[in-house]
Amino acid sequence: MVYPEDIKRYIESGLACQHVEVSGDGHHFEATIVSALFAGKSRVAQHQLVYRALGDRMREEIHALSMRTLTPDQWDEIGQG
């Protein structure tokens, strides 16, 4: 079974992030990911960076992941930074 902490660690090890939060029930997960690498990229391109960081785990271990991707400036704007 995959735990939210595992997914958080996978993302952080494959992508330079300022902040990562992951919650879930072992089957469905939600993540908030803040990275300067998202600047200037479309939402699709941002998600592709996260999928790349997760690699084969997206097919083998993680079956449902919804993401909220933000730049550090966006994170600050919503009062989270």
PDB file of N, CA and C in Angstrom:
ATOM      1  N   MET A   1       0.831  -1.182   0.000  1.00  0.00           N
ATOM      2  CA  MET A   1       0.000   0.000   0.000  1.00  0.00           C
ATOM      3  C   MET A   1       0.879   1.250   0.000  1.00  0.00           C
ATOM      4  N   VAL A   2       0.444   2.254  -0.704  1.00  0.00           N
ATOM      5  CA  VAL A   2       1.151   3.528  -0.785  1.00  0.00           C
ATOM      6  C   VAL A   2       0.486   4.513   0.177  1.00  0.00           C
ATOM      7  N   TYR A   3       1.293   5.264   0.882  1.00  0.00           N
ATOM      8  CA  TYR A   3       0.811   6.241   1.840  1.00  0.00           C
ATOM      9  C   TYR A   3       1.110   7.652   1.336  1.00  0.00           C
ATOM     10  N   PRO A   4       0.347   8.642   1.797  1.00  0.00           N
ATOM     11  CA  PRO A   4       0.613  10.018   1.371  1.00  0.00           C
ATOM     12  C   PRO A   4       2.061  10.450   1.586  1.00  0.00           C
ATOM     13  N   GLU A   5       2.659  10.023   2.698  1.00  0.00           N
ATOM     14  CA  GLU A   5       4.058  10.389   2.969  1.00  0.00           C
ATOM     15  C   GLU A   5       4.996   9.845   1.891  1.00  0.00           C
ATOM     16  N   ASP A   6       4.670   8.659   1.373  1.00  0.00           N
ATOM     17  CA  ASP A   6       5.487   8.063   0.309  1.00  0.00           C
ATOM     18  C   ASP A   6       5.441   8.938  -0.943  1.00  0.00           C
ATOM     19  N   ILE A   7       4.241   9.334  -1.330  1.00  0.00           N
ATOM     20  CA  ILE A   7       4.091  10.143  -2.532  1.00  0.00           C
ATOM     21  C   ILE A   7       4.799  11.480  -2.351  1.00  0.00           C
ATOM     22  N   LYS A   8       4.661  12.073  -1.175  1.00  0.00           N
ATOM     23  CA  LYS A   8       5.351  13.335  -0.874  1.00  0.00           C
ATOM     24  C   LYS A   8       6.857  13.166  -1.062  1.00  0.00           C
ATOM     25  N   ARG A   9       7.395  12.099  -0.526  1.00  0.00           N
ATOM     26  CA  ARG A   9       8.833  11.820  -0.640  1.00  0.00           C
ATOM     27  C   ARG A   9       9.238  11.590  -2.096  1.00  0.00           C
ATOM     28  N   TYR A  10       8.427  10.865  -2.846  1.00  0.00           N
ATOM     29  CA  TYR A  10       8.728  10.613  -4.263  1.00  0.00           C
ATOM     30  C   TYR A  10       8.789  11.932  -5.039  1.00  0.00           C
ATOM     31  N   ILE A  11       7.802  12.797  -4.808  1.00  0.00           N
ATOM     32  CA  ILE A  11       7.764  14.071  -5.519  1.00  0.00           C
ATOM     33  C   ILE A  11       8.977  14.917  -5.145  1.00  0.00           C
ATOM     34  N   GLU A  12       9.249  15.027  -3.852  1.00  0.00           N
ATOM     35  CA  GLU A  12      10.368  15.855  -3.386  1.00  0.00           C
ATOM     36  C   GLU A  12      11.718  15.338  -3.873  1.00  0.00           C
ATOM     37  N   SER A  13      11.833  14.039  -4.060  1.00  0.00           N
ATOM     38  CA  SER A  13      13.115  13.496  -4.510  1.00  0.00           C
ATOM     39  C   SER A  13      13.323  13.685  -6.012  1.00  0.00           C
ATOM     40  N   GLY A  14      12.242  13.906  -6.768  1.00  0.00           N
ATOM     41  CA  GLY A  14      12.377  14.032  -8.214  1.00  0.00           C
ATOM     42  C   GLY A  14      12.122  15.413  -8.774  1.00  0.00           C
ATOM     43  N   LEU A  15      11.749  16.368  -7.889  1.00  0.00           N
ATOM     44  CA  LEU A  15      11.387  17.696  -8.356  1.00  0.00           C
ATOM     45  C   LEU A  15      11.759  18.714  -7.286  1.00  0.00           C
ATOM     46  N   ALA A  16      12.420  19.791  -7.684  1.00  0.00           N
ATOM     47  CA  ALA A  16      12.777  20.843  -6.727  1.00  0.00           C
ATOM     48  C   ALA A  16      11.494  21.568  -6.310  1.00  0.00           C
ATOM     49  N   CYS A  17      11.112  21.409  -5.052  1.00  0.00           N
ATOM     50  CA  CYS A  17       9.861  21.974  -4.548  1.00  0.00           C
ATOM     51  C   CYS A  17      10.112  22.835  -3.318  1.00  0.00           C
ATOM     52  N   GLN A  18       9.304  23.867  -3.197  1.00  0.00           N
ATOM     53  CA  GLN A  18       9.339  24.684  -1.990  1.00  0.00           C
ATOM     54  C   GLN A  18       8.364  24.139  -0.941  1.00  0.00           C
ATOM     55  N   HIS A  19       7.323  23.452  -1.425  1.00  0.00           N
ATOM     56  CA  HIS A  19       6.302  22.938  -0.514  1.00  0.00           C
ATOM     57  C   HIS A  19       5.564  21.783  -1.191  1.00  0.00           C
ATOM     58  N   VAL A  20       5.285  20.742  -0.434  1.00  0.00           N
ATOM     59  CA  VAL A  20       4.490  19.621  -0.940  1.00  0.00           C
ATOM     60  C   VAL A  20       3.589  19.135   0.191  1.00  0.00           C
ATOM     61  N   GLU A  21       2.301  19.009  -0.098  1.00  0.00           N
ATOM     62  CA  GLU A  21       1.339  18.406   0.825  1.00  0.00           C
ATOM     63  C   GLU A  21       0.627  17.297   0.066  1.00  0.00           C
ATOM     64  N   VAL A  22       0.466  16.151   0.684  1.00  0.00           N
ATOM     65  CA  VAL A  22      -0.270  15.048   0.051  1.00  0.00           C
ATOM     66  C   VAL A  22      -1.198  14.452   1.090  1.00  0.00           C
ATOM     67  N   SER A  23      -2.437  14.224   0.688  1.00  0.00           N
ATOM     68  CA  SER A  23      -3.390  13.534   1.542  1.00  0.00           C
ATOM     69  C   SER A  23      -4.037  12.437   0.707  1.00  0.00           C
ATOM     70  N   GLY A  24      -4.644  11.485   1.376  1.00  0.00           N
ATOM     71  CA  GLY A  24      -5.310  10.415   0.643  1.00  0.00           C
ATOM     72  C   GLY A  24      -5.606   9.225   1.509  1.00  0.00           C
ATOM     73  N   ASP A  25      -6.315   8.287   0.914  1.00  0.00           N
ATOM     74  CA  ASP A  25      -6.792   7.114   1.643  1.00  0.00           C
ATOM     75  C   ASP A  25      -6.102   5.814   1.243  1.00  0.00           C
ATOM     76  N   GLY A  26      -5.004   5.929   0.500  1.00  0.00           N
ATOM     77  CA  GLY A  26      -4.317   4.731   0.041  1.00  0.00           C
ATOM     78  C   GLY A  26      -4.668   4.358  -1.385  1.00  0.00           C
ATOM     79  N   HIS A  27      -5.757   4.925  -1.898  1.00  0.00           N
ATOM     80  CA  HIS A  27      -6.175   4.660  -3.273  1.00  0.00           C
ATOM     81  C   HIS A  27      -6.271   5.953  -4.081  1.00  0.00           C
ATOM     82  N   HIS A  28      -6.868   6.971  -3.479  1.00  0.00           N
ATOM     83  CA  HIS A  28      -7.027   8.271  -4.119  1.00  0.00           C
ATOM     84  C   HIS A  28      -6.227   9.291  -3.320  1.00  0.00           C
ATOM     85  N   PHE A  29      -5.468  10.118  -4.029  1.00  0.00           N
ATOM     86  CA  PHE A  29      -4.595  11.079  -3.378  1.00  0.00           C
ATOM     87  C   PHE A  29      -4.808  12.467  -3.954  1.00  0.00           C
ATOM     88  N   GLU A  30      -4.565  13.468  -3.122  1.00  0.00           N
ATOM     89  CA  GLU A  30      -4.597  14.869  -3.535  1.00  0.00           C
ATOM     90  C   GLU A  30      -3.286  15.495  -3.111  1.00  0.00           C
ATOM     91  N   ALA A  31      -2.697  16.271  -4.001  1.00  0.00           N
ATOM     92  CA  ALA A  31      -1.412  16.897  -3.700  1.00  0.00           C
ATOM     93  C   ALA A  31      -1.446  18.377  -4.047  1.00  0.00           C
ATOM     94  N   THR A  32      -0.794  19.165  -3.207  1.00  0.00           N
ATOM     95  CA  THR A  32      -0.504  20.564  -3.496  1.00  0.00           C
ATOM     96  C   THR A  32       1.005  20.655  -3.599  1.00  0.00           C
ATOM     97  N   ILE A  33       1.469  21.138  -4.735  1.00  0.00           N
ATOM     98  CA  ILE A  33       2.910  21.166  -5.007  1.00  0.00           C
ATOM     99  C   ILE A  33       3.294  22.582  -5.425  1.00  0.00           C
ATOM    100  N   VAL A  34       4.287  23.131  -4.756  1.00  0.00           N
ATOM    101  CA  VAL A  34       4.771  24.474  -5.048  1.00  0.00           C
ATOM    102  C   VAL A  34       6.215  24.360  -5.538  1.00  0.00           C
ATOM    103  N   SER A  35       6.456  24.845  -6.750  1.00  0.00           N
ATOM    104  CA  SER A  35       7.794  24.765  -7.324  1.00  0.00           C
ATOM    105  C   SER A  35       8.046  25.950  -8.248  1.00  0.00           C
ATOM    106  N   ALA A  36       9.236  26.510  -8.157  1.00  0.00           N
ATOM    107  CA  ALA A  36       9.638  27.583  -9.067  1.00  0.00           C
ATOM    108  C   ALA A  36       9.727  27.065 -10.502  1.00  0.00           C
ATOM    109  N   LEU A  37       9.904  25.771 -10.677  1.00  0.00           N
ATOM    110  CA  LEU A  37      10.000  25.188 -12.016  1.00  0.00           C
ATOM    111  C   LEU A  37       8.690  25.294 -12.793  1.00  0.00           C
ATOM    112  N   PHE A  38       7.581  25.589 -12.094  1.00  0.00           N
ATOM    113  CA  PHE A  38       6.280  25.705 -12.750  1.00  0.00           C
ATOM    114  C   PHE A  38       6.090  27.059 -13.434  1.00  0.00           C
ATOM    115  N   ALA A  39       6.928  28.026 -13.110  1.00  0.00           N
ATOM    116  CA  ALA A  39       6.774  29.380 -13.652  1.00  0.00           C
ATOM    117  C   ALA A  39       6.816  29.365 -15.181  1.00  0.00           C
ATOM    118  N   GLY A  40       5.834  30.026 -15.775  1.00  0.00           N
ATOM    119  CA  GLY A  40       5.782  30.150 -17.226  1.00  0.00           C
ATOM    120  C   GLY A  40       5.301  28.914 -17.956  1.00  0.00           C
ATOM    121  N   LYS A  41       4.934  27.866 -17.223  1.00  0.00           N
ATOM    122  CA  LYS A  41       4.477  26.628 -17.860  1.00  0.00           C
ATOM    123  C   LYS A  41       2.958  26.493 -17.731  1.00  0.00           C
ATOM    124  N   SER A  42       2.352  25.845 -18.704  1.00  0.00           N
ATOM    125  CA  SER A  42       0.917  25.575 -18.633  1.00  0.00           C
ATOM    126  C   SER A  42       0.652  24.568 -17.518  1.00  0.00           C
ATOM    127  N   ARG A  43      -0.596  24.474 -17.116  1.00  0.00           N
ATOM    128  CA  ARG A  43      -0.983  23.511 -16.081  1.00  0.00           C
ATOM    129  C   ARG A  43      -0.617  22.087 -16.523  1.00  0.00           C
ATOM    130  N   VAL A  44      -0.829  21.784 -17.780  1.00  0.00           N
ATOM    131  CA  VAL A  44      -0.485  20.453 -18.301  1.00  0.00           C
ATOM    132  C   VAL A  44       1.014  20.201 -18.163  1.00  0.00           C
ATOM    133  N   ALA A  45       1.831  21.179 -18.540  1.00  0.00           N
ATOM    134  CA  ALA A  45       3.287  21.029 -18.447  1.00  0.00           C
ATOM    135  C   ALA A  45       3.729  20.892 -16.988  1.00  0.00           C
ATOM    136  N   GLN A  46       3.065  21.618 -16.096  1.00  0.00           N
ATOM    137  CA  GLN A  46       3.379  21.494 -14.669  1.00  0.00           C
ATOM    138  C   GLN A  46       3.089  20.084 -14.178  1.00  0.00           C
ATOM    139  N   HIS A  47       1.940  19.559 -14.551  1.00  0.00           N
ATOM    140  CA  HIS A  47       1.575  18.202 -14.137  1.00  0.00           C
ATOM    141  C   HIS A  47       2.520  17.169 -14.736  1.00  0.00           C
ATOM    142  N   GLN A  48       2.962  17.416 -15.957  1.00  0.00           N
ATOM    143  CA  GLN A  48       3.910  16.501 -16.580  1.00  0.00           C
ATOM    144  C   GLN A  48       5.223  16.450 -15.801  1.00  0.00           C
ATOM    145  N   LEU A  49       5.661  17.578 -15.260  1.00  0.00           N
ATOM    146  CA  LEU A  49       6.869  17.585 -14.420  1.00  0.00           C
ATOM    147  C   LEU A  49       6.681  16.702 -13.189  1.00  0.00           C
ATOM    148  N   VAL A  50       5.505  16.780 -12.592  1.00  0.00           N
ATOM    149  CA  VAL A  50       5.228  15.945 -11.411  1.00  0.00           C
ATOM    150  C   VAL A  50       5.169  14.474 -11.810  1.00  0.00           C
ATOM    151  N   TYR A  51       4.487  14.175 -12.907  1.00  0.00           N
ATOM    152  CA  TYR A  51       4.417  12.777 -13.374  1.00  0.00           C
ATOM    153  C   TYR A  51       5.811  12.231 -13.664  1.00  0.00           C
ATOM    154  N   ARG A  52       6.658  13.071 -14.242  1.00  0.00           N
ATOM    155  CA  ARG A  52       8.033  12.648 -14.526  1.00  0.00           C
ATOM    156  C   ARG A  52       8.768  12.338 -13.221  1.00  0.00           C
ATOM    157  N   ALA A  53       8.552  13.158 -12.200  1.00  0.00           N
ATOM    158  CA  ALA A  53       9.188  12.924 -10.898  1.00  0.00           C
ATOM    159  C   ALA A  53       8.703  11.608 -10.282  1.00  0.00           C
ATOM    160  N   LEU A  54       7.443  11.270 -10.520  1.00  0.00           N
ATOM    161  CA  LEU A  54       6.881  10.031  -9.963  1.00  0.00           C
ATOM    162  C   LEU A  54       7.259   8.806 -10.793  1.00  0.00           C
ATOM    163  N   GLY A  55       7.547   9.015 -12.067  1.00  0.00           N
ATOM    164  CA  GLY A  55       7.995   7.930 -12.938  1.00  0.00           C
ATOM    165  C   GLY A  55       7.004   6.780 -13.020  1.00  0.00           C
ATOM    166  N   ASP A  56       7.515   5.573 -13.007  1.00  0.00           N
ATOM    167  CA  ASP A  56       6.688   4.372 -13.148  1.00  0.00           C
ATOM    168  C   ASP A  56       5.727   4.170 -11.983  1.00  0.00           C
ATOM    169  N   ARG A  57       5.947   4.862 -10.893  1.00  0.00           N
ATOM    170  CA  ARG A  57       5.054   4.718  -9.735  1.00  0.00           C
ATOM    171  C   ARG A  57       3.622   5.109 -10.092  1.00  0.00           C
ATOM    172  N   MET A  58       3.464   6.019 -11.067  1.00  0.00           N
ATOM    173  CA  MET A  58       2.110   6.423 -11.468  1.00  0.00           C
ATOM    174  C   MET A  58       1.345   5.254 -12.075  1.00  0.00           C
ATOM    175  N   ARG A  59       2.024   4.351 -12.704  1.00  0.00           N
ATOM    176  CA  ARG A  59       1.343   3.189 -13.285  1.00  0.00           C
ATOM    177  C   ARG A  59       1.253   2.044 -12.308  1.00  0.00           C
ATOM    178  N   GLU A  60       2.291   1.880 -11.507  1.00  0.00           N
ATOM    179  CA  GLU A  60       2.398   0.683 -10.681  1.00  0.00           C
ATOM    180  C   GLU A  60       1.830   0.832  -9.278  1.00  0.00           C
ATOM    181  N   GLU A  61       1.973   2.012  -8.679  1.00  0.00           N
ATOM    182  CA  GLU A  61       1.588   2.175  -7.273  1.00  0.00           C
ATOM    183  C   GLU A  61       0.469   3.185  -7.050  1.00  0.00           C
ATOM    184  N   ILE A  62       0.473   4.249  -7.830  1.00  0.00           N
ATOM    185  CA  ILE A  62      -0.455   5.358  -7.612  1.00  0.00           C
ATOM    186  C   ILE A  62      -1.500   5.326  -8.719  1.00  0.00           C
ATOM    187  N   HIS A  63      -2.738   5.157  -8.334  1.00  0.00           N
ATOM    188  CA  HIS A  63      -3.775   4.992  -9.357  1.00  0.00           C
ATOM    189  C   HIS A  63      -4.617   6.239  -9.569  1.00  0.00           C
ATOM    190  N   ALA A  64      -4.712   7.093  -8.563  1.00  0.00           N
ATOM    191  CA  ALA A  64      -5.496   8.319  -8.706  1.00  0.00           C
ATOM    192  C   ALA A  64      -4.820   9.433  -7.919  1.00  0.00           C
ATOM    193  N   LEU A  65      -4.373  10.451  -8.642  1.00  0.00           N
ATOM    194  CA  LEU A  65      -3.709  11.587  -8.016  1.00  0.00           C
ATOM    195  C   LEU A  65      -4.237  12.869  -8.641  1.00  0.00           C
ATOM    196  N   SER A  66      -4.882  13.688  -7.827  1.00  0.00           N
ATOM    197  CA  SER A  66      -5.262  15.021  -8.303  1.00  0.00           C
ATOM    198  C   SER A  66      -4.254  16.004  -7.742  1.00  0.00           C
ATOM    199  N   MET A  67      -3.899  16.982  -8.564  1.00  0.00           N
ATOM    200  CA  MET A  67      -2.835  17.910  -8.188  1.00  0.00           C
ATOM    201  C   MET A  67      -3.282  19.348  -8.283  1.00  0.00           C
ATOM    202  N   ARG A  68      -2.754  20.127  -7.374  1.00  0.00           N
ATOM    203  CA  ARG A  68      -2.833  21.581  -7.435  1.00  0.00           C
ATOM    204  C   ARG A  68      -1.378  22.035  -7.501  1.00  0.00           C
ATOM    205  N   THR A  69      -0.992  22.603  -8.634  1.00  0.00           N
ATOM    206  CA  THR A  69       0.396  23.038  -8.814  1.00  0.00           C
ATOM    207  C   THR A  69       0.440  24.559  -8.819  1.00  0.00           C
ATOM    208  N   LEU A  70       1.395  25.097  -8.060  1.00  0.00           N
ATOM    209  CA  LEU A  70       1.524  26.537  -7.907  1.00  0.00           C
ATOM    210  C   LEU A  70       2.992  26.947  -7.940  1.00  0.00           C
ATOM    211  N   THR A  71       3.239  28.170  -8.419  1.00  0.00           N
ATOM    212  CA  THR A  71       4.572  28.743  -8.289  1.00  0.00           C
ATOM    213  C   THR A  71       4.673  29.327  -6.874  1.00  0.00           C
ATOM    214  N   PRO A  72       5.877  29.615  -6.406  1.00  0.00           N
ATOM    215  CA  PRO A  72       6.002  30.251  -5.088  1.00  0.00           C
ATOM    216  C   PRO A  72       5.240  31.581  -5.000  1.00  0.00           C
ATOM    217  N   ASP A  73       5.224  32.368  -6.080  1.00  0.00           N
ATOM    218  CA  ASP A  73       4.483  33.635  -6.072  1.00  0.00           C
ATOM    219  C   ASP A  73       2.980  33.387  -5.921  1.00  0.00           C
ATOM    220  N   GLN A  74       2.456  32.399  -6.631  1.00  0.00           N
ATOM    221  CA  GLN A  74       1.031  32.063  -6.499  1.00  0.00           C
ATOM    222  C   GLN A  74       0.728  31.591  -5.083  1.00  0.00           C
ATOM    223  N   TRP A  75       1.609  30.809  -4.511  1.00  0.00           N
ATOM    224  CA  TRP A  75       1.454  30.303  -3.152  1.00  0.00           C
ATOM    225  C   TRP A  75       1.407  31.470  -2.160  1.00  0.00           C
ATOM    226  N   ASP A  76       2.294  32.438  -2.364  1.00  0.00           N
ATOM    227  CA  ASP A  76       2.309  33.632  -1.500  1.00  0.00           C
ATOM    228  C   ASP A  76       1.032  34.449  -1.669  1.00  0.00           C
ATOM    229  N   GLU A  77       0.542  34.561  -2.912  1.00  0.00           N
ATOM    230  CA  GLU A  77      -0.654  35.343  -3.188  1.00  0.00           C
ATOM    231  C   GLU A  77      -1.883  34.815  -2.461  1.00  0.00           C
ATOM    232  N   ILE A  78      -1.958  33.524  -2.287  1.00  0.00           N
ATOM    233  CA  ILE A  78      -3.114  32.958  -1.593  1.00  0.00           C
ATOM    234  C   ILE A  78      -2.876  32.882  -0.086  1.00  0.00           C
ATOM    235  N   GLY A  79      -1.759  33.474   0.343  1.00  0.00           N
ATOM    236  CA  GLY A  79      -1.493  33.578   1.773  1.00  0.00           C
ATOM    237  C   GLY A  79      -0.969  32.337   2.433  1.00  0.00           C
ATOM    238  N   GLN A  80      -0.362  31.462   1.657  1.00  0.00           N
ATOM    239  CA  GLN A  80       0.142  30.199   2.222  1.00  0.00           C
ATOM    240  C   GLN A  80       1.634  30.222   2.478  1.00  0.00           C
ATOM    241  N   GLY A  81       2.357  31.095   1.781  1.00  0.00           N
ATOM    242  CA  GLY A  81       3.806  31.093   1.871  1.00  0.00           C
ATOM    243  C   GLY A  81       4.356  31.786   3.083  1.00  0.00           C
TER     244      GLY A  81
END
